[in-house]
Amino acid sequence: MPSNLKLDVDPGHSGRRLDRFLQEKLPDFSRSRIQSWIREGRVLLNGETARPAALLRGTEIVEVAPADPPPLRAFAEDLPLEILHEDDDVVVVNKPAGMVVHIGAGNRTGTLVNALLHHFGTLSSVAGETRPGIVHRLDRYTSGVMLVARTDAAHRALAAQFAARQVEKFYVALVHGDIRGERGRVDKPIARDPLRRLRMTAKLATGRKALTEYRVLERLSGFTFLEVRIMTGRMHQIRVHMSSIGHPVAGDALYGAPSRIPGRRPLERLFLHSHRLGFQSPSTGRPIVVECPLPCDLEDWMAELKLPGGSPPEL
């Protein structure tokens, strides 16, 4: 962390917001961090505190006393939580779409971990203070069954099951287009997209092995409703694999789905739902299978596709 700084504002920055000026001068720090410093009184404009949106005249002196951010640590937060299964070893919940799984930069509140700590007090510590109990994850805008470890012993046992591909993971997804055949599989390695770092890709020769199987549940005008089973757990696996064969998940603009479909209301989320999870109890070894039905918002959106009023376009 740099020591205290003193910056002269030149006339070329006249009319610039204070926080944007500092972001330009201190590119190693995020704008949100800089705004926190300003609000905490660690930034003085001509010797006085100011607002992040204060407009500069081009003659001021800005003094900055940088500070490290507080350490990330999950805390309990009273949030709704739908519990599908609970015993001494594990909790299985229905994660809603839009909820981030664990805290991180930019996500300190409102996460599934915050809700879990409020309801259960303590969880496995194996994954660290920011991810208590988290054995696997779902994307933010994916809903459905998610498994959480309550004890360290349970966490290690479940992690071993995931590593050995003994956990059965079934999803349902609505994808664009009319998929050929009633069943299929995608066996393509997945890697970080070198050009768009927020994406993964199955177009490179390198990457981690990934295997996805699917079967058709229903065909709709312009869409196919699938049951999808993943044998591996790569980041964005279903989204990447379905996009790679020309059938992106509905609502998934990041991987090629249209953000708007003429004549249809916006989906506002991925049409991807973790439907069923099967695993062995860490204590008894008995099989446990937990299912979660399709959420009402996805059921309603798919039902609207069957109504008169035109067919959505295929990709």
C-alpha atoms as a PDB file:
ATOM      1  CA  MET A   1       0.000   0.000   0.000  1.00  0.00           C
ATOM      2  CA  PRO A   2       1.519   3.385  -1.000  1.00  0.00           C
ATOM      3  CA  SER A   3       2.136   6.092   1.578  1.00  0.00           C
ATOM      4  CA  ASN A   4       0.113   9.296   1.667  1.00  0.00           C
ATOM      5  CA  LEU A   5      -0.111  11.060  -1.678  1.00  0.00           C
ATOM      6  CA  LYS A   6      -0.498  14.683  -2.727  1.00  0.00           C
ATOM      7  CA  LEU A   7      -1.810  15.367  -6.233  1.00  0.00           C
ATOM      8  CA  ASP A   8      -2.142  18.685  -8.059  1.00  0.00           C
ATOM      9  CA  VAL A   9      -5.237  19.076 -10.217  1.00  0.00           C
ATOM     10  CA  ASP A  10      -4.393  20.835 -13.480  1.00  0.00           C
ATOM     11  CA  PRO A  11      -6.844  22.841 -15.626  1.00  0.00           C
ATOM     12  CA  GLY A  12      -7.213  19.918 -18.017  1.00  0.00           C
ATOM     13  CA  HIS A  13      -9.226  18.106 -15.341  1.00  0.00           C
ATOM     14  CA  SER A  14     -11.673  20.949 -14.791  1.00  0.00           C
ATOM     15  CA  GLY A  15     -15.213  19.567 -14.553  1.00  0.00           C
ATOM     16  CA  ARG A  16     -14.004  16.014 -13.803  1.00  0.00           C
ATOM     17  CA  ARG A  17     -15.494  14.134 -10.847  1.00  0.00           C
ATOM     18  CA  LEU A  18     -13.131  13.643  -7.921  1.00  0.00           C
ATOM     19  CA  ASP A  19     -13.458   9.846  -7.932  1.00  0.00           C
ATOM     20  CA  ARG A  20     -12.797   9.625 -11.670  1.00  0.00           C
ATOM     21  CA  PHE A  21      -9.767  11.886 -11.363  1.00  0.00           C
ATOM     22  CA  LEU A  22      -8.314   9.621  -8.676  1.00  0.00           C
ATOM     23  CA  GLN A  23      -9.112   6.501 -10.663  1.00  0.00           C
ATOM     24  CA  GLU A  24      -7.092   7.929 -13.547  1.00  0.00           C
ATOM     25  CA  LYS A  25      -4.180   8.865 -11.294  1.00  0.00           C
ATOM     26  CA  LEU A  26      -4.279   5.634  -9.265  1.00  0.00           C
ATOM     27  CA  PRO A  27      -5.057   2.902 -11.837  1.00  0.00           C
ATOM     28  CA  ASP A  28      -4.005   0.089  -9.500  1.00  0.00           C
ATOM     29  CA  PHE A  29      -7.094   0.688  -7.360  1.00  0.00           C
ATOM     30  CA  SER A  30     -10.736   0.132  -8.260  1.00  0.00           C
ATOM     31  CA  ARG A  31     -13.173   2.996  -8.394  1.00  0.00           C
ATOM     32  CA  SER A  32     -15.210   1.445  -5.572  1.00  0.00           C
ATOM     33  CA  ARG A  33     -12.110   1.337  -3.350  1.00  0.00           C
ATOM     34  CA  ILE A  34     -11.361   4.980  -4.127  1.00  0.00           C
ATOM     35  CA  GLN A  35     -14.962   5.957  -3.379  1.00  0.00           C
ATOM     36  CA  SER A  36     -14.689   4.174  -0.020  1.00  0.00           C
ATOM     37  CA  TRP A  37     -11.588   6.214   0.828  1.00  0.00           C
ATOM     38  CA  ILE A  38     -13.417   9.420  -0.061  1.00  0.00           C
ATOM     39  CA  ARG A  39     -16.443   8.537   2.081  1.00  0.00           C
ATOM     40  CA  GLU A  40     -14.184   7.531   4.989  1.00  0.00           C
ATOM     41  CA  GLY A  41     -12.522  10.961   4.926  1.00  0.00           C
ATOM     42  CA  ARG A  42      -9.209   9.591   3.667  1.00  0.00           C
ATOM     43  CA  VAL A  43      -9.273  12.002   0.716  1.00  0.00           C
ATOM     44  CA  LEU A  44      -9.031  15.755   1.240  1.00  0.00           C
ATOM     45  CA  LEU A  45      -9.801  18.339  -1.434  1.00  0.00           C
ATOM     46  CA  ASN A  46      -7.977  21.569  -0.553  1.00  0.00           C
ATOM     47  CA  GLY A  47      -7.762  20.318   3.012  1.00  0.00           C
ATOM     48  CA  GLU A  48     -11.431  19.413   3.371  1.00  0.00           C
ATOM     49  CA  THR A  49     -13.476  16.255   2.945  1.00  0.00           C
ATOM     50  CA  ALA A  50     -15.583  15.982  -0.203  1.00  0.00           C
ATOM     51  CA  ARG A  51     -18.035  13.744  -1.992  1.00  0.00           C
ATOM     52  CA  PRO A  52     -16.973  11.235  -4.685  1.00  0.00           C
ATOM     53  CA  ALA A  53     -19.036  13.199  -7.215  1.00  0.00           C
ATOM     54  CA  ALA A  54     -17.473  16.579  -6.336  1.00  0.00           C
ATOM     55  CA  LEU A  55     -16.546  18.422  -9.531  1.00  0.00           C
ATOM     56  CA  LEU A  56     -13.020  19.756  -9.847  1.00  0.00           C
ATOM     57  CA  ARG A  57     -12.160  23.291 -10.971  1.00  0.00           C
ATOM     58  CA  GLY A  58      -8.626  22.458 -12.089  1.00  0.00           C
ATOM     59  CA  THR A  59      -6.698  24.302  -9.369  1.00  0.00           C
ATOM     60  CA  GLU A  60      -7.101  22.073  -6.319  1.00  0.00           C
ATOM     61  CA  ILE A  61      -4.726  19.950  -4.271  1.00  0.00           C
ATOM     62  CA  VAL A  62      -5.914  16.422  -3.475  1.00  0.00           C
ATOM     63  CA  GLU A  63      -4.430  14.543  -0.522  1.00  0.00           C
ATOM     64  CA  VAL A  64      -4.958  10.781  -0.279  1.00  0.00           C
ATOM     65  CA  ALA A  65      -4.316   8.478   2.685  1.00  0.00           C
ATOM     66  CA  PRO A  66      -4.728   4.984   1.151  1.00  0.00           C
ATOM     67  CA  ALA A  67      -5.903   2.090   3.298  1.00  0.00           C
ATOM     68  CA  ASP A  68      -6.081  -1.655   2.860  1.00  0.00           C
ATOM     69  CA  PRO A  69      -9.615  -3.013   2.468  1.00  0.00           C
ATOM     70  CA  PRO A  70     -11.042  -4.899   5.438  1.00  0.00           C
ATOM     71  CA  PRO A  71     -10.307  -8.630   5.209  1.00  0.00           C
ATOM     72  CA  LEU A  72     -12.989 -10.641   3.466  1.00  0.00           C
ATOM     73  CA  ARG A  73     -14.889 -12.798   5.913  1.00  0.00           C
ATOM     74  CA  ALA A  74     -18.346 -14.264   5.587  1.00  0.00           C
ATOM     75  CA  PHE A  75     -20.929 -13.146   8.138  1.00  0.00           C
ATOM     76  CA  ALA A  76     -24.480 -14.140   8.969  1.00  0.00           C
ATOM     77  CA  GLU A  77     -27.292 -12.276   7.229  1.00  0.00           C
ATOM     78  CA  ASP A  78     -31.024 -12.848   7.646  1.00  0.00           C
ATOM     79  CA  LEU A  79     -32.030 -13.867   4.116  1.00  0.00           C
ATOM     80  CA  PRO A  80     -34.699 -16.283   2.859  1.00  0.00           C
ATOM     81  CA  LEU A  81     -33.427 -19.831   2.390  1.00  0.00           C
ATOM     82  CA  GLU A  82     -35.298 -22.836   0.999  1.00  0.00           C
ATOM     83  CA  ILE A  83     -33.935 -26.027   2.550  1.00  0.00           C
ATOM     84  CA  LEU A  84     -34.551 -29.211   0.561  1.00  0.00           C
ATOM     85  CA  HIS A  85     -32.656 -31.645   2.800  1.00  0.00           C
ATOM     86  CA  GLU A  86     -30.815 -31.366   6.108  1.00  0.00           C
ATOM     87  CA  ASP A  87     -28.909 -33.777   8.348  1.00  0.00           C
ATOM     88  CA  ASP A  88     -25.852 -33.644  10.625  1.00  0.00           C
ATOM     89  CA  ASP A  89     -23.452 -33.748   7.662  1.00  0.00           C
ATOM     90  CA  VAL A  90     -24.997 -31.720   4.893  1.00  0.00           C
ATOM     91  CA  VAL A  91     -27.563 -29.157   3.874  1.00  0.00           C
ATOM     92  CA  VAL A  92     -29.131 -29.132   0.422  1.00  0.00           C
ATOM     93  CA  VAL A  93     -30.769 -25.874  -0.619  1.00  0.00           C
ATOM     94  CA  ASN A  94     -32.627 -24.419  -3.562  1.00  0.00           C
ATOM     95  CA  LYS A  95     -30.417 -21.538  -4.654  1.00  0.00           C
ATOM     96  CA  PRO A  96     -32.477 -18.806  -6.307  1.00  0.00           C
ATOM     97  CA  ALA A  97     -31.373 -17.271  -9.590  1.00  0.00           C
ATOM     98  CA  GLY A  98     -29.587 -13.977  -9.050  1.00  0.00           C
ATOM     99  CA  MET A  99     -27.968 -14.961  -5.754  1.00  0.00           C
ATOM    100  CA  VAL A 100     -24.164 -15.203  -5.665  1.00  0.00           C
ATOM    101  CA  VAL A 101     -22.914 -18.306  -3.856  1.00  0.00           C
ATOM    102  CA  HIS A 102     -20.141 -16.789  -1.703  1.00  0.00           C
ATOM    103  CA  ILE A 103     -18.658 -13.438  -0.844  1.00  0.00           C
ATOM    104  CA  GLY A 104     -15.871 -11.854  -2.860  1.00  0.00           C
ATOM    105  CA  ALA A 105     -14.805  -8.526  -4.285  1.00  0.00           C
ATOM    106  CA  GLY A 106     -18.001  -6.591  -4.896  1.00  0.00           C
ATOM    107  CA  ASN A 107     -20.186  -9.232  -3.207  1.00  0.00           C
ATOM    108  CA  ARG A 108     -19.957  -8.912   0.553  1.00  0.00           C
ATOM    109  CA  THR A 109     -23.679  -9.147   1.288  1.00  0.00           C
ATOM    110  CA  GLY A 110     -26.702 -10.997  -0.035  1.00  0.00           C
ATOM    111  CA  THR A 111     -24.863 -14.226  -0.836  1.00  0.00           C
ATOM    112  CA  LEU A 112     -25.942 -17.794  -0.190  1.00  0.00           C
ATOM    113  CA  VAL A 113     -23.131 -18.166   2.346  1.00  0.00           C
ATOM    114  CA  ASN A 114     -24.444 -15.184   4.329  1.00  0.00           C
ATOM    115  CA  ALA A 115     -27.883 -16.810   4.440  1.00  0.00           C
ATOM    116  CA  LEU A 116     -26.466 -20.217   5.412  1.00  0.00           C
ATOM    117  CA  LEU A 117     -24.477 -18.785   8.317  1.00  0.00           C
ATOM    118  CA  HIS A 118     -27.598 -17.070   9.667  1.00  0.00           C
ATOM    119  CA  HIS A 119     -29.612 -20.281   9.550  1.00  0.00           C
ATOM    120  CA  PHE A 120     -26.945 -22.762  10.699  1.00  0.00           C
ATOM    121  CA  GLY A 121     -24.332 -20.761  12.617  1.00  0.00           C
ATOM    122  CA  THR A 122     -21.285 -22.755  11.558  1.00  0.00           C
ATOM    123  CA  LEU A 123     -20.357 -24.717   8.450  1.00  0.00           C
ATOM    124  CA  SER A 124     -17.296 -26.560   7.189  1.00  0.00           C
ATOM    125  CA  SER A 125     -14.121 -24.460   7.292  1.00  0.00           C
ATOM    126  CA  VAL A 126     -12.225 -26.448   4.647  1.00  0.00           C
ATOM    127  CA  ALA A 127     -12.818 -23.895   1.874  1.00  0.00           C
ATOM    128  CA  GLY A 128     -11.762 -20.921   4.018  1.00  0.00           C
ATOM    129  CA  GLU A 129     -13.453 -17.946   5.662  1.00  0.00           C
ATOM    130  CA  THR A 130     -15.056 -16.612   2.485  1.00  0.00           C
ATOM    131  CA  ARG A 131     -16.572 -19.953   1.398  1.00  0.00           C
ATOM    132  CA  PRO A 132     -17.663 -21.875   4.505  1.00  0.00           C
ATOM    133  CA  GLY A 133     -19.409 -25.106   3.559  1.00  0.00           C
ATOM    134  CA  ILE A 134     -19.072 -24.602  -0.187  1.00  0.00           C
ATOM    135  CA  VAL A 135     -18.232 -27.880  -1.944  1.00  0.00           C
ATOM    136  CA  HIS A 136     -19.419 -26.864  -5.434  1.00  0.00           C
ATOM    137  CA  ARG A 137     -21.062 -23.812  -7.000  1.00  0.00           C
ATOM    138  CA  LEU A 138     -23.824 -22.706  -9.311  1.00  0.00           C
ATOM    139  CA  ASP A 139     -23.609 -19.666 -11.562  1.00  0.00           C
ATOM    140  CA  ARG A 140     -25.272 -16.543 -10.229  1.00  0.00           C
ATOM    141  CA  TYR A 141     -28.229 -16.741 -12.629  1.00  0.00           C
ATOM    142  CA  THR A 142     -28.653 -20.521 -12.353  1.00  0.00           C
ATOM    143  CA  SER A 143     -31.132 -21.827  -9.800  1.00  0.00           C
ATOM    144  CA  GLY A 144     -31.709 -25.120  -8.068  1.00  0.00           C
ATOM    145  CA  VAL A 145     -30.218 -27.904  -5.996  1.00  0.00           C
ATOM    146  CA  MET A 146     -26.936 -27.111  -4.276  1.00  0.00           C
ATOM    147  CA  LEU A 147     -25.050 -29.170  -1.700  1.00  0.00           C
ATOM    148  CA  VAL A 148     -23.339 -27.640   1.354  1.00  0.00           C
ATOM    149  CA  ALA A 149     -21.099 -29.335   3.959  1.00  0.00           C
ATOM    150  CA  ARG A 150     -21.757 -28.719   7.653  1.00  0.00           C
ATOM    151  CA  THR A 151     -18.539 -30.310   8.993  1.00  0.00           C
ATOM    152  CA  ASP A 152     -14.954 -30.566   7.808  1.00  0.00           C
ATOM    153  CA  ALA A 153     -15.171 -34.368   7.667  1.00  0.00           C
ATOM    154  CA  ALA A 154     -18.298 -34.195   5.516  1.00  0.00           C
ATOM    155  CA  HIS A 155     -16.660 -31.604   3.255  1.00  0.00           C
ATOM    156  CA  ARG A 156     -13.646 -33.820   2.589  1.00  0.00           C
ATOM    157  CA  ALA A 157     -15.840 -36.855   1.918  1.00  0.00           C
ATOM    158  CA  LEU A 158     -18.045 -34.921  -0.503  1.00  0.00           C
ATOM    159  CA  ALA A 159     -15.037 -33.377  -2.244  1.00  0.00           C
ATOM    160  CA  ALA A 160     -13.696 -36.893  -2.808  1.00  0.00           C
ATOM    161  CA  GLN A 161     -17.037 -37.930  -4.338  1.00  0.00           C
ATOM    162  CA  PHE A 162     -16.983 -34.949  -6.694  1.00  0.00           C
ATOM    163  CA  ALA A 163     -13.370 -35.672  -7.664  1.00  0.00           C
ATOM    164  CA  ALA A 164     -14.225 -39.322  -8.375  1.00  0.00           C
ATOM    165  CA  ARG A 165     -17.295 -38.217 -10.403  1.00  0.00           C
ATOM    166  CA  GLN A 166     -19.605 -40.145  -8.098  1.00  0.00           C
ATOM    167  CA  VAL A 167     -22.004 -37.228  -7.624  1.00  0.00           C
ATOM    168  CA  GLU A 168     -24.871 -37.268 -10.131  1.00  0.00           C
ATOM    169  CA  LYS A 169     -25.720 -33.773 -11.378  1.00  0.00           C
ATOM    170  CA  PHE A 170     -28.797 -33.285 -13.550  1.00  0.00           C
ATOM    171  CA  TYR A 171     -30.043 -29.967 -14.906  1.00  0.00           C
ATOM    172  CA  VAL A 172     -32.903 -28.855 -17.100  1.00  0.00           C
ATOM    173  CA  ALA A 173     -32.256 -26.222 -19.745  1.00  0.00           C
ATOM    174  CA  LEU A 174     -34.101 -24.507 -22.563  1.00  0.00           C
ATOM    175  CA  VAL A 175     -31.783 -23.974 -25.509  1.00  0.00           C
ATOM    176  CA  HIS A 176     -32.201 -22.132 -28.794  1.00  0.00           C
ATOM    177  CA  GLY A 177     -32.882 -24.146 -31.937  1.00  0.00           C
ATOM    178  CA  ASP A 178     -34.097 -27.635 -32.743  1.00  0.00           C
ATOM    179  CA  ILE A 179     -31.423 -30.092 -31.619  1.00  0.00           C
ATOM    180  CA  ARG A 180     -30.815 -33.018 -33.947  1.00  0.00           C
ATOM    181  CA  GLY A 181     -31.584 -36.404 -32.390  1.00  0.00           C
ATOM    182  CA  GLU A 182     -33.113 -37.288 -29.051  1.00  0.00           C
ATOM    183  CA  ARG A 183     -29.848 -37.684 -27.149  1.00  0.00           C
ATOM    184  CA  GLY A 184     -26.319 -36.400 -27.455  1.00  0.00           C
ATOM    185  CA  ARG A 185     -23.062 -35.671 -25.726  1.00  0.00           C
ATOM    186  CA  VAL A 186     -20.431 -32.970 -25.887  1.00  0.00           C
ATOM    187  CA  ASP A 187     -16.870 -33.979 -25.047  1.00  0.00           C
ATOM    188  CA  LYS A 188     -14.763 -30.859 -25.513  1.00  0.00           C
ATOM    189  CA  PRO A 189     -12.122 -29.416 -23.160  1.00  0.00           C
ATOM    190  CA  ILE A 190     -12.978 -26.073 -21.586  1.00  0.00           C
ATOM    191  CA  ALA A 191     -10.496 -23.231 -21.064  1.00  0.00           C
ATOM    192  CA  ARG A 192     -10.539 -19.520 -20.284  1.00  0.00           C
ATOM    193  CA  ASP A 193     -11.280 -17.470 -23.397  1.00  0.00           C
ATOM    194  CA  PRO A 194      -8.019 -15.583 -24.098  1.00  0.00           C
ATOM    195  CA  LEU A 195      -9.863 -12.705 -25.789  1.00  0.00           C
ATOM    196  CA  ARG A 196     -12.828 -12.302 -23.437  1.00  0.00           C
ATOM    197  CA  ARG A 197     -11.716 -13.074 -19.910  1.00  0.00           C
ATOM    198  CA  LEU A 198     -15.237 -13.279 -18.470  1.00  0.00           C
ATOM    199  CA  ARG A 199     -15.982 -16.211 -20.770  1.00  0.00           C
ATOM    200  CA  MET A 200     -14.863 -19.788 -21.059  1.00  0.00           C
ATOM    201  CA  THR A 201     -14.447 -21.507 -24.409  1.00  0.00           C
ATOM    202  CA  ALA A 202     -14.518 -24.991 -25.931  1.00  0.00           C
ATOM    203  CA  LYS A 203     -12.818 -23.862 -29.140  1.00  0.00           C
ATOM    204  CA  LEU A 204      -9.215 -24.362 -28.049  1.00  0.00           C
ATOM    205  CA  ALA A 205      -7.195 -27.559 -28.217  1.00  0.00           C
ATOM    206  CA  THR A 206      -6.107 -26.993 -24.641  1.00  0.00           C
ATOM    207  CA  GLY A 207      -8.231 -26.885 -21.506  1.00  0.00           C
ATOM    208  CA  ARG A 208      -9.679 -29.155 -18.838  1.00  0.00           C
ATOM    209  CA  LYS A 209     -11.585 -32.269 -19.854  1.00  0.00           C
ATOM    210  CA  ALA A 210     -15.355 -31.751 -19.768  1.00  0.00           C
ATOM    211  CA  LEU A 211     -18.199 -34.128 -20.611  1.00  0.00           C
ATOM    212  CA  THR A 212     -21.874 -33.201 -20.950  1.00  0.00           C
ATOM    213  CA  GLU A 213     -24.762 -35.485 -21.900  1.00  0.00           C
ATOM    214  CA  TYR A 214     -28.299 -34.407 -22.785  1.00  0.00           C
ATOM    215  CA  ARG A 215     -31.660 -35.791 -23.811  1.00  0.00           C
ATOM    216  CA  VAL A 216     -34.672 -34.043 -25.300  1.00  0.00           C
ATOM    217  CA  LEU A 217     -37.677 -33.574 -23.019  1.00  0.00           C
ATOM    218  CA  GLU A 218     -39.785 -31.382 -25.295  1.00  0.00           C
ATOM    219  CA  ARG A 219     -39.509 -29.530 -28.571  1.00  0.00           C
ATOM    220  CA  LEU A 220     -40.967 -26.036 -28.843  1.00  0.00           C
ATOM    221  CA  SER A 221     -41.069 -23.528 -31.657  1.00  0.00           C
ATOM    222  CA  GLY A 222     -37.497 -22.270 -31.899  1.00  0.00           C
ATOM    223  CA  PHE A 223     -36.337 -24.025 -28.723  1.00  0.00           C
ATOM    224  CA  THR A 224     -35.555 -27.442 -27.256  1.00  0.00           C
ATOM    225  CA  PHE A 225     -36.162 -28.319 -23.604  1.00  0.00           C
ATOM    226  CA  LEU A 226     -33.427 -30.646 -22.322  1.00  0.00           C
ATOM    227  CA  GLU A 227     -32.377 -32.707 -19.372  1.00  0.00           C
ATOM    228  CA  VAL A 228     -28.614 -32.266 -19.067  1.00  0.00           C
ATOM    229  CA  ARG A 229     -26.178 -34.363 -17.056  1.00  0.00           C
ATOM    230  CA  ILE A 230     -22.632 -33.201 -16.430  1.00  0.00           C
ATOM    231  CA  MET A 231     -19.910 -35.712 -15.599  1.00  0.00           C
ATOM    232  CA  THR A 232     -17.404 -32.957 -14.803  1.00  0.00           C
ATOM    233  CA  GLY A 233     -17.822 -29.626 -13.067  1.00  0.00           C
ATOM    234  CA  ARG A 234     -16.106 -26.989 -15.183  1.00  0.00           C
ATOM    235  CA  MET A 235     -16.941 -23.321 -14.962  1.00  0.00           C
ATOM    236  CA  HIS A 236     -19.958 -22.496 -17.187  1.00  0.00           C
ATOM    237  CA  GLN A 237     -19.795 -26.062 -18.529  1.00  0.00           C
ATOM    238  CA  ILE A 238     -23.375 -26.468 -19.791  1.00  0.00           C
ATOM    239  CA  ARG A 239     -23.454 -22.936 -21.149  1.00  0.00           C
ATOM    240  CA  VAL A 240     -20.164 -23.363 -23.019  1.00  0.00           C
ATOM    241  CA  HIS A 241     -20.918 -26.827 -24.377  1.00  0.00           C
ATOM    242  CA  MET A 242     -24.419 -26.014 -25.603  1.00  0.00           C
ATOM    243  CA  SER A 243     -23.187 -22.826 -27.252  1.00  0.00           C
ATOM    244  CA  SER A 244     -20.348 -24.770 -28.893  1.00  0.00           C
ATOM    245  CA  ILE A 245     -22.849 -26.936 -30.787  1.00  0.00           C
ATOM    246  CA  GLY A 246     -24.941 -23.949 -31.862  1.00  0.00           C
ATOM    247  CA  HIS A 247     -27.653 -24.154 -29.186  1.00  0.00           C
ATOM    248  CA  PRO A 248     -26.974 -21.559 -26.457  1.00  0.00           C
ATOM    249  CA  VAL A 249     -29.042 -21.576 -23.287  1.00  0.00           C
ATOM    250  CA  ALA A 250     -31.978 -19.160 -23.442  1.00  0.00           C
ATOM    251  CA  GLY A 251     -31.130 -15.898 -21.695  1.00  0.00           C
ATOM    252  CA  ASP A 252     -27.384 -16.474 -21.962  1.00  0.00           C
ATOM    253  CA  ALA A 253     -26.225 -13.424 -23.940  1.00  0.00           C
ATOM    254  CA  LEU A 254     -22.621 -14.054 -22.843  1.00  0.00           C
ATOM    255  CA  TYR A 255     -22.559 -17.227 -24.933  1.00  0.00           C
ATOM    256  CA  GLY A 256     -24.537 -16.111 -27.955  1.00  0.00           C
ATOM    257  CA  ALA A 257     -28.230 -16.148 -27.016  1.00  0.00           C
ATOM    258  CA  PRO A 258     -30.148 -13.019 -28.115  1.00  0.00           C
ATOM    259  CA  SER A 259     -30.780 -10.576 -25.285  1.00  0.00           C
ATOM    260  CA  ARG A 260     -34.272  -9.837 -26.651  1.00  0.00           C
ATOM    261  CA  ILE A 261     -36.684 -12.049 -28.587  1.00  0.00           C
ATOM    262  CA  PRO A 262     -39.318 -10.211 -30.642  1.00  0.00           C
ATOM    263  CA  GLY A 263     -42.802 -10.790 -29.291  1.00  0.00           C
ATOM    264  CA  ARG A 264     -41.551 -12.280 -26.009  1.00  0.00           C
ATOM    265  CA  ARG A 265     -40.962 -10.638 -22.663  1.00  0.00           C
ATOM    266  CA  PRO A 266     -37.343 -10.570 -21.427  1.00  0.00           C
ATOM    267  CA  LEU A 267     -36.266 -13.715 -19.594  1.00  0.00           C
ATOM    268  CA  GLU A 268     -34.062 -11.771 -17.125  1.00  0.00           C
ATOM    269  CA  ARG A 269     -32.020 -14.885 -16.225  1.00  0.00           C
ATOM    270  CA  LEU A 270     -30.560 -18.116 -17.605  1.00  0.00           C
ATOM    271  CA  PHE A 271     -33.068 -20.838 -18.425  1.00  0.00           C
ATOM    272  CA  LEU A 272     -30.860 -23.290 -16.544  1.00  0.00           C
ATOM    273  CA  HIS A 273     -31.906 -25.084 -13.371  1.00  0.00           C
ATOM    274  CA  SER A 274     -30.120 -27.660 -11.203  1.00  0.00           C
ATOM    275  CA  HIS A 275     -32.887 -30.237 -11.058  1.00  0.00           C
ATOM    276  CA  ARG A 276     -31.479 -33.301  -9.278  1.00  0.00           C
ATOM    277  CA  LEU A 277     -28.396 -34.146  -7.231  1.00  0.00           C
ATOM    278  CA  GLY A 278     -27.404 -37.608  -6.086  1.00  0.00           C
ATOM    279  CA  PHE A 279     -24.602 -38.367  -3.613  1.00  0.00           C
ATOM    280  CA  GLN A 280     -23.669 -40.659  -0.748  1.00  0.00           C
ATOM    281  CA  SER A 281     -24.116 -39.645   2.887  1.00  0.00           C
ATOM    282  CA  PRO A 282     -20.647 -38.878   4.294  1.00  0.00           C
ATOM    283  CA  SER A 283     -21.526 -40.710   7.537  1.00  0.00           C
ATOM    284  CA  THR A 284     -23.618 -43.692   6.488  1.00  0.00           C
ATOM    285  CA  GLY A 285     -22.756 -44.129   2.821  1.00  0.00           C
ATOM    286  CA  ARG A 286     -26.440 -44.409   1.950  1.00  0.00           C
ATOM    287  CA  PRO A 287     -27.532 -42.803  -1.317  1.00  0.00           C
ATOM    288  CA  ILE A 288     -29.300 -39.456  -1.076  1.00  0.00           C
ATOM    289  CA  VAL A 289     -31.140 -37.952  -4.032  1.00  0.00           C
ATOM    290  CA  VAL A 290     -32.606 -34.460  -3.839  1.00  0.00           C
ATOM    291  CA  GLU A 291     -34.809 -32.924  -6.514  1.00  0.00           C
ATOM    292  CA  CYS A 292     -36.103 -29.416  -7.049  1.00  0.00           C
ATOM    293  CA  PRO A 293     -38.911 -28.609  -9.518  1.00  0.00           C
ATOM    294  CA  LEU A 294     -38.603 -25.988 -12.222  1.00  0.00           C
ATOM    295  CA  PRO A 295     -39.165 -22.492 -10.751  1.00  0.00           C
ATOM    296  CA  CYS A 296     -42.449 -20.771 -11.546  1.00  0.00           C
ATOM    297  CA  ASP A 297     -40.779 -17.986 -13.547  1.00  0.00           C
ATOM    298  CA  LEU A 298     -39.216 -20.514 -15.936  1.00  0.00           C
ATOM    299  CA  GLU A 299     -42.383 -22.601 -16.141  1.00  0.00           C
ATOM    300  CA  ASP A 300     -44.399 -19.501 -17.020  1.00  0.00           C
ATOM    301  CA  TRP A 301     -41.898 -18.307 -19.636  1.00  0.00           C
ATOM    302  CA  MET A 302     -41.838 -21.694 -21.332  1.00  0.00           C
ATOM    303  CA  ALA A 303     -45.645 -21.912 -21.225  1.00  0.00           C
ATOM    304  CA  GLU A 304     -45.837 -18.571 -23.041  1.00  0.00           C
ATOM    305  CA  LEU A 305     -43.857 -20.076 -25.928  1.00  0.00           C
ATOM    306  CA  LYS A 306     -46.794 -22.404 -26.563  1.00  0.00           C
ATOM    307  CA  LEU A 307     -49.311 -19.576 -26.847  1.00  0.00           C
ATOM    308  CA  PRO A 308     -50.350 -18.066 -30.189  1.00  0.00           C
ATOM    309  CA  GLY A 309     -48.519 -14.953 -31.236  1.00  0.00           C
ATOM    310  CA  GLY A 310     -45.653 -15.998 -33.411  1.00  0.00           C
ATOM    311  CA  SER A 311     -42.611 -18.155 -33.050  1.00  0.00           C
ATOM    312  CA  PRO A 312     -39.365 -16.821 -31.608  1.00  0.00           C
ATOM    313  CA  PRO A 313     -36.542 -16.818 -34.119  1.00  0.00           C
ATOM    314  CA  GLU A 314     -33.978 -19.586 -34.176  1.00  0.00           C
ATOM    315  CA  LEU A 315     -30.273 -18.772 -34.096  1.00  0.00           C
END
